[in-house]
């Protein structure tokens, strides 16, 4: 039960931070990405704050032998930059640039009953499902 409560608390803090910073507003995000037009640099401070907190957090957390609510840390094992990573990153960036939502901003926006966020989340889930289907299909063909 404690892992679920800690995940809920972390999600609430994250969602509140996203909402307070304005990242649930697609117009604000799109203005940040519009370097040649109505550029809004305020999200640099949001990103800088996130990097600072994460840096301090990682330094403190990894001094421990294990997390508070689990038996071990679950860290990524892949360290290579490949076509799949670059392609996925490019698709993410293009999607963010087109609509002004990323998952971190769209999911908290659902709590404000934003119809555009709901459409984005449904489309995002469909894209995730399609990617998993293509991966499983590719794995079957490779056998």
C-alpha atoms as a PDB file:
ATOM      1  CA  UNK A   1       0.000   0.000   0.000  1.00  0.00           C
ATOM      2  CA  UNK A   2       2.873   2.395   0.763  1.00  0.00           C
ATOM      3  CA  UNK A   3       4.292   2.208  -2.803  1.00  0.00           C
ATOM      4  CA  UNK A   4       0.886   3.146  -4.215  1.00  0.00           C
ATOM      5  CA  UNK A   5       0.521   6.072  -1.828  1.00  0.00           C
ATOM      6  CA  UNK A   6       4.040   7.326  -2.580  1.00  0.00           C
ATOM      7  CA  UNK A   7       3.334   7.107  -6.336  1.00  0.00           C
ATOM      8  CA  UNK A   8       0.060   8.966  -5.824  1.00  0.00           C
ATOM      9  CA  UNK A   9       1.793  11.687  -3.805  1.00  0.00           C
ATOM     10  CA  UNK A  10       4.564  12.045  -6.405  1.00  0.00           C
ATOM     11  CA  UNK A  11       1.975  12.249  -9.187  1.00  0.00           C
ATOM     12  CA  UNK A  12      -0.010  14.907  -7.337  1.00  0.00           C
ATOM     13  CA  UNK A  13       3.097  17.014  -6.731  1.00  0.00           C
ATOM     14  CA  UNK A  14       4.153  16.617 -10.377  1.00  0.00           C
ATOM     15  CA  UNK A  15       0.684  17.474 -11.688  1.00  0.00           C
ATOM     16  CA  UNK A  16       0.431  20.512  -9.428  1.00  0.00           C
ATOM     17  CA  UNK A  17       3.846  21.715 -10.600  1.00  0.00           C
ATOM     18  CA  UNK A  18       2.870  21.275 -14.239  1.00  0.00           C
ATOM     19  CA  UNK A  19      -0.392  23.154 -13.662  1.00  0.00           C
ATOM     20  CA  UNK A  20       1.185  26.017 -11.698  1.00  0.00           C
ATOM     21  CA  UNK A  21       3.963  26.421 -14.294  1.00  0.00           C
ATOM     22  CA  UNK A  22       1.461  26.702 -17.131  1.00  0.00           C
ATOM     23  CA  UNK A  23       2.640  23.637 -19.031  1.00  0.00           C
ATOM     24  CA  UNK A  24      -0.950  22.378 -19.285  1.00  0.00           C
ATOM     25  CA  UNK A  25      -1.702  25.366 -21.504  1.00  0.00           C
ATOM     26  CA  UNK A  26      -0.800  24.386 -25.095  1.00  0.00           C
ATOM     27  CA  UNK A  27      -0.602  28.046 -26.174  1.00  0.00           C
ATOM     28  CA  UNK A  28       2.107  28.721 -23.571  1.00  0.00           C
ATOM     29  CA  UNK A  29       4.079  25.683 -24.686  1.00  0.00           C
ATOM     30  CA  UNK A  30       3.703  26.557 -28.379  1.00  0.00           C
ATOM     31  CA  UNK A  31       4.856  30.123 -27.656  1.00  0.00           C
ATOM     32  CA  UNK A  32       7.931  28.668 -25.972  1.00  0.00           C
ATOM     33  CA  UNK A  33       8.667  26.649 -29.114  1.00  0.00           C
ATOM     34  CA  UNK A  34       8.051  29.635 -31.436  1.00  0.00           C
ATOM     35  CA  UNK A  35      11.536  31.160 -31.433  1.00  0.00           C
ATOM     36  CA  UNK A  36      10.825  33.407 -34.446  1.00  0.00           C
ATOM     37  CA  UNK A  37       7.439  34.695 -33.260  1.00  0.00           C
ATOM     38  CA  UNK A  38       5.835  35.264 -29.864  1.00  0.00           C
ATOM     39  CA  UNK A  39       8.574  33.457 -27.964  1.00  0.00           C
ATOM     40  CA  UNK A  40       7.848  32.926 -24.254  1.00  0.00           C
ATOM     41  CA  UNK A  41      11.070  31.930 -22.441  1.00  0.00           C
ATOM     42  CA  UNK A  42       9.377  31.318 -19.068  1.00  0.00           C
ATOM     43  CA  UNK A  43       9.359  27.529 -19.490  1.00  0.00           C
ATOM     44  CA  UNK A  44      13.164  27.564 -19.413  1.00  0.00           C
ATOM     45  CA  UNK A  45      12.808  28.288 -15.697  1.00  0.00           C
ATOM     46  CA  UNK A  46      10.405  25.363 -15.305  1.00  0.00           C
ATOM     47  CA  UNK A  47      12.883  23.042 -17.005  1.00  0.00           C
ATOM     48  CA  UNK A  48      15.815  24.493 -15.068  1.00  0.00           C
ATOM     49  CA  UNK A  49      13.969  24.027 -11.792  1.00  0.00           C
ATOM     50  CA  UNK A  50      13.116  20.443 -12.719  1.00  0.00           C
ATOM     51  CA  UNK A  51      16.743  19.660 -13.588  1.00  0.00           C
ATOM     52  CA  UNK A  52      17.979  21.225 -10.339  1.00  0.00           C
ATOM     53  CA  UNK A  53      15.503  19.287  -8.197  1.00  0.00           C
ATOM     54  CA  UNK A  54      16.217  16.039 -10.063  1.00  0.00           C
ATOM     55  CA  UNK A  55      19.983  16.495  -9.683  1.00  0.00           C
ATOM     56  CA  UNK A  56      19.692  16.999  -5.937  1.00  0.00           C
ATOM     57  CA  UNK A  57      17.137  14.197  -5.641  1.00  0.00           C
ATOM     58  CA  UNK A  58      19.278  11.673  -7.498  1.00  0.00           C
ATOM     59  CA  UNK A  59      22.312  12.536  -5.397  1.00  0.00           C
ATOM     60  CA  UNK A  60      20.338  11.987  -2.193  1.00  0.00           C
ATOM     61  CA  UNK A  61      18.437   8.900  -3.318  1.00  0.00           C
ATOM     62  CA  UNK A  62      21.419   6.978  -4.658  1.00  0.00           C
ATOM     63  CA  UNK A  63      23.229   7.284  -1.350  1.00  0.00           C
ATOM     64  CA  UNK A  64      20.707   4.719  -0.128  1.00  0.00           C
ATOM     65  CA  UNK A  65      21.180   1.004  -0.717  1.00  0.00           C
ATOM     66  CA  UNK A  66      17.538   0.623  -1.773  1.00  0.00           C
ATOM     67  CA  UNK A  67      14.421   2.760  -2.226  1.00  0.00           C
ATOM     68  CA  UNK A  68      12.098   3.396   0.709  1.00  0.00           C
ATOM     69  CA  UNK A  69       9.169   1.414  -0.717  1.00  0.00           C
ATOM     70  CA  UNK A  70      10.811  -1.288  -2.857  1.00  0.00           C
ATOM     71  CA  UNK A  71      13.550  -3.877  -2.610  1.00  0.00           C
ATOM     72  CA  UNK A  72      15.792  -2.379  -5.322  1.00  0.00           C
ATOM     73  CA  UNK A  73      16.144   0.496  -7.746  1.00  0.00           C
ATOM     74  CA  UNK A  74      14.707  -0.130 -11.217  1.00  0.00           C
ATOM     75  CA  UNK A  75      16.994   1.711 -13.604  1.00  0.00           C
ATOM     76  CA  UNK A  76      17.158   1.542 -17.390  1.00  0.00           C
ATOM     77  CA  UNK A  77      19.715  -0.926 -18.677  1.00  0.00           C
ATOM     78  CA  UNK A  78      19.978   0.273 -22.282  1.00  0.00           C
ATOM     79  CA  UNK A  79      22.583   2.936 -22.849  1.00  0.00           C
ATOM     80  CA  UNK A  80      22.875   2.951 -26.641  1.00  0.00           C
ATOM     81  CA  UNK A  81      21.550   5.638 -28.944  1.00  0.00           C
ATOM     82  CA  UNK A  82      19.935   3.856 -31.873  1.00  0.00           C
ATOM     83  CA  UNK A  83      17.523   4.645 -34.703  1.00  0.00           C
ATOM     84  CA  UNK A  84      14.529   3.660 -32.584  1.00  0.00           C
ATOM     85  CA  UNK A  85      15.456   6.115 -29.826  1.00  0.00           C
ATOM     86  CA  UNK A  86      16.183   8.945 -32.264  1.00  0.00           C
ATOM     87  CA  UNK A  87      13.008   8.258 -34.267  1.00  0.00           C
ATOM     88  CA  UNK A  88      10.838   8.101 -31.156  1.00  0.00           C
ATOM     89  CA  UNK A  89      12.367  11.313 -29.832  1.00  0.00           C
ATOM     90  CA  UNK A  90      11.711  13.041 -33.150  1.00  0.00           C
ATOM     91  CA  UNK A  91       8.086  11.863 -33.187  1.00  0.00           C
ATOM     92  CA  UNK A  92       7.650  13.063 -29.613  1.00  0.00           C
ATOM     93  CA  UNK A  93       9.069  16.483 -30.489  1.00  0.00           C
ATOM     94  CA  UNK A  94       6.962  16.821 -33.634  1.00  0.00           C
ATOM     95  CA  UNK A  95       3.810  15.889 -31.714  1.00  0.00           C
ATOM     96  CA  UNK A  96       4.651  18.332 -28.932  1.00  0.00           C
ATOM     97  CA  UNK A  97       5.320  21.069 -31.476  1.00  0.00           C
ATOM     98  CA  UNK A  98       2.078  20.459 -33.367  1.00  0.00           C
ATOM     99  CA  UNK A  99      -0.361  20.454 -30.453  1.00  0.00           C
ATOM    100  CA  UNK A 100       1.527  21.928 -27.489  1.00  0.00           C
ATOM    101  CA  UNK A 101       0.842  18.931 -25.272  1.00  0.00           C
ATOM    102  CA  UNK A 102       3.196  16.274 -24.022  1.00  0.00           C
ATOM    103  CA  UNK A 103       2.081  13.490 -21.669  1.00  0.00           C
ATOM    104  CA  UNK A 104       3.386  15.430 -18.674  1.00  0.00           C
ATOM    105  CA  UNK A 105       1.106  18.346 -19.449  1.00  0.00           C
ATOM    106  CA  UNK A 106      -1.870  16.568 -21.008  1.00  0.00           C
ATOM    107  CA  UNK A 107      -2.610  14.142 -18.191  1.00  0.00           C
ATOM    108  CA  UNK A 108      -2.869  16.855 -15.496  1.00  0.00           C
ATOM    109  CA  UNK A 109      -4.994  18.891 -17.951  1.00  0.00           C
ATOM    110  CA  UNK A 110      -7.483  16.006 -17.911  1.00  0.00           C
ATOM    111  CA  UNK A 111      -8.180  16.940 -14.307  1.00  0.00           C
ATOM    112  CA  UNK A 112      -9.308  20.348 -15.535  1.00  0.00           C
ATOM    113  CA  UNK A 113     -11.647  18.667 -18.042  1.00  0.00           C
ATOM    114  CA  UNK A 114      -9.821  20.070 -21.071  1.00  0.00           C
ATOM    115  CA  UNK A 115     -11.401  18.469 -24.185  1.00  0.00           C
ATOM    116  CA  UNK A 116      -8.220  18.956 -26.236  1.00  0.00           C
ATOM    117  CA  UNK A 117      -6.229  17.118 -23.586  1.00  0.00           C
ATOM    118  CA  UNK A 118      -8.685  14.210 -23.686  1.00  0.00           C
ATOM    119  CA  UNK A 119      -8.373  13.972 -27.470  1.00  0.00           C
ATOM    120  CA  UNK A 120      -4.582  14.103 -27.163  1.00  0.00           C
ATOM    121  CA  UNK A 121      -4.471  11.388 -24.486  1.00  0.00           C
ATOM    122  CA  UNK A 122      -6.733   9.086 -26.528  1.00  0.00           C
ATOM    123  CA  UNK A 123      -4.531   9.636 -29.596  1.00  0.00           C
ATOM    124  CA  UNK A 124      -1.396   9.085 -27.505  1.00  0.00           C
ATOM    125  CA  UNK A 125      -2.746   5.789 -26.157  1.00  0.00           C
ATOM    126  CA  UNK A 126      -3.654   4.724 -29.701  1.00  0.00           C
ATOM    127  CA  UNK A 127      -0.108   5.546 -30.803  1.00  0.00           C
ATOM    128  CA  UNK A 128       1.342   3.555 -27.914  1.00  0.00           C
ATOM    129  CA  UNK A 129      -0.866   0.612 -28.824  1.00  0.00           C
ATOM    130  CA  UNK A 130       0.131   0.831 -32.486  1.00  0.00           C
ATOM    131  CA  UNK A 131       3.833   0.986 -31.589  1.00  0.00           C
ATOM    132  CA  UNK A 132       3.531  -2.085 -29.366  1.00  0.00           C
ATOM    133  CA  UNK A 133       1.627  -3.923 -32.086  1.00  0.00           C
ATOM    134  CA  UNK A 134       4.308  -3.066 -34.669  1.00  0.00           C
ATOM    135  CA  UNK A 135       7.056  -4.153 -32.249  1.00  0.00           C
ATOM    136  CA  UNK A 136       5.380  -7.500 -31.579  1.00  0.00           C
ATOM    137  CA  UNK A 137       4.731  -7.982 -35.304  1.00  0.00           C
ATOM    138  CA  UNK A 138       8.378  -7.180 -36.112  1.00  0.00           C
ATOM    139  CA  UNK A 139       9.529  -9.652 -33.441  1.00  0.00           C
ATOM    140  CA  UNK A 140       7.282 -12.368 -34.905  1.00  0.00           C
ATOM    141  CA  UNK A 141       8.635 -11.773 -38.408  1.00  0.00           C
ATOM    142  CA  UNK A 142      12.207 -11.891 -37.123  1.00  0.00           C
ATOM    143  CA  UNK A 143      11.690 -15.415 -35.744  1.00  0.00           C
END
